[in-house]
Amino acid sequence: MGHEALDPLPDGDVLIHAGDATGGTLQSTLTFLRWFASQPHRYKLFVPGNHDSYVEHALGITRGLVPPSVTLLIDEACEIAGRVFYGSPWTPEFLHWAFMRPRGEGMARVWSGIPDDTAVLITHGPPHGILDVHETPPRASGCEALRWRVEQLPQLELHVFGHIHESYGRRTVDGRVFVNAATWMPEYRPIVVDLPAR
């Protein structure tokens, strides 16, 4: 499904894409970036995922291709309207995809870089046990180290991710909103989250 099938997107201030935006080629990366930049939202944040291999292998070139209206977050933070947004593309190792690290200590090192004052976390993969179940065979495949780190973030309000397509949806856990925003099926529409003004 091309991203154009999602048009028109819901209105909002911040548009987040949590990865698997491209087919891993230069052309598909350019096509996505043009589409994303064309959206009317004031802030557009992109965190790549395991299918976005061109971004990982040609990161310097990719950064030069990103339009000024788009913010690419790879283990980086930005502040919007008084909230810290932090994005990271890494997922536990599986086959030979992009942006992967060994499960356990390898992933824990990645998540240790998330600032304590993060209010909105954007990762490609889910935390273990939250919207992370593959249907065939049924199993929870989210990152245990990410779940631990998420639980340590005192100001976290929202965690957006994708990766596990079958677990699309929204859930509130301990007062925090978790969104698996994978839109790989036509009936999976973008999810709108309203956060109170600060």
Foldseek 3Di string as FASTA:
>chain_A
DAPVLQPPADDDQEAEDQEPQAQQDPVRLLVSLVVQLPHPHQAYEYEYEQRNNVCQVPVVVSVVSRDPRYHYADLDWDDDLRAIEHEHHEFDDDDDTPRYFHADPRVLVSLVSDDLRHAEYRYAFDAFPALQFAVVVTDRRHGPSNVVSVVRRPNYAEYEYANRPVSADWDADPNHIYGHQRCPDSVRHGDDDDDDRD
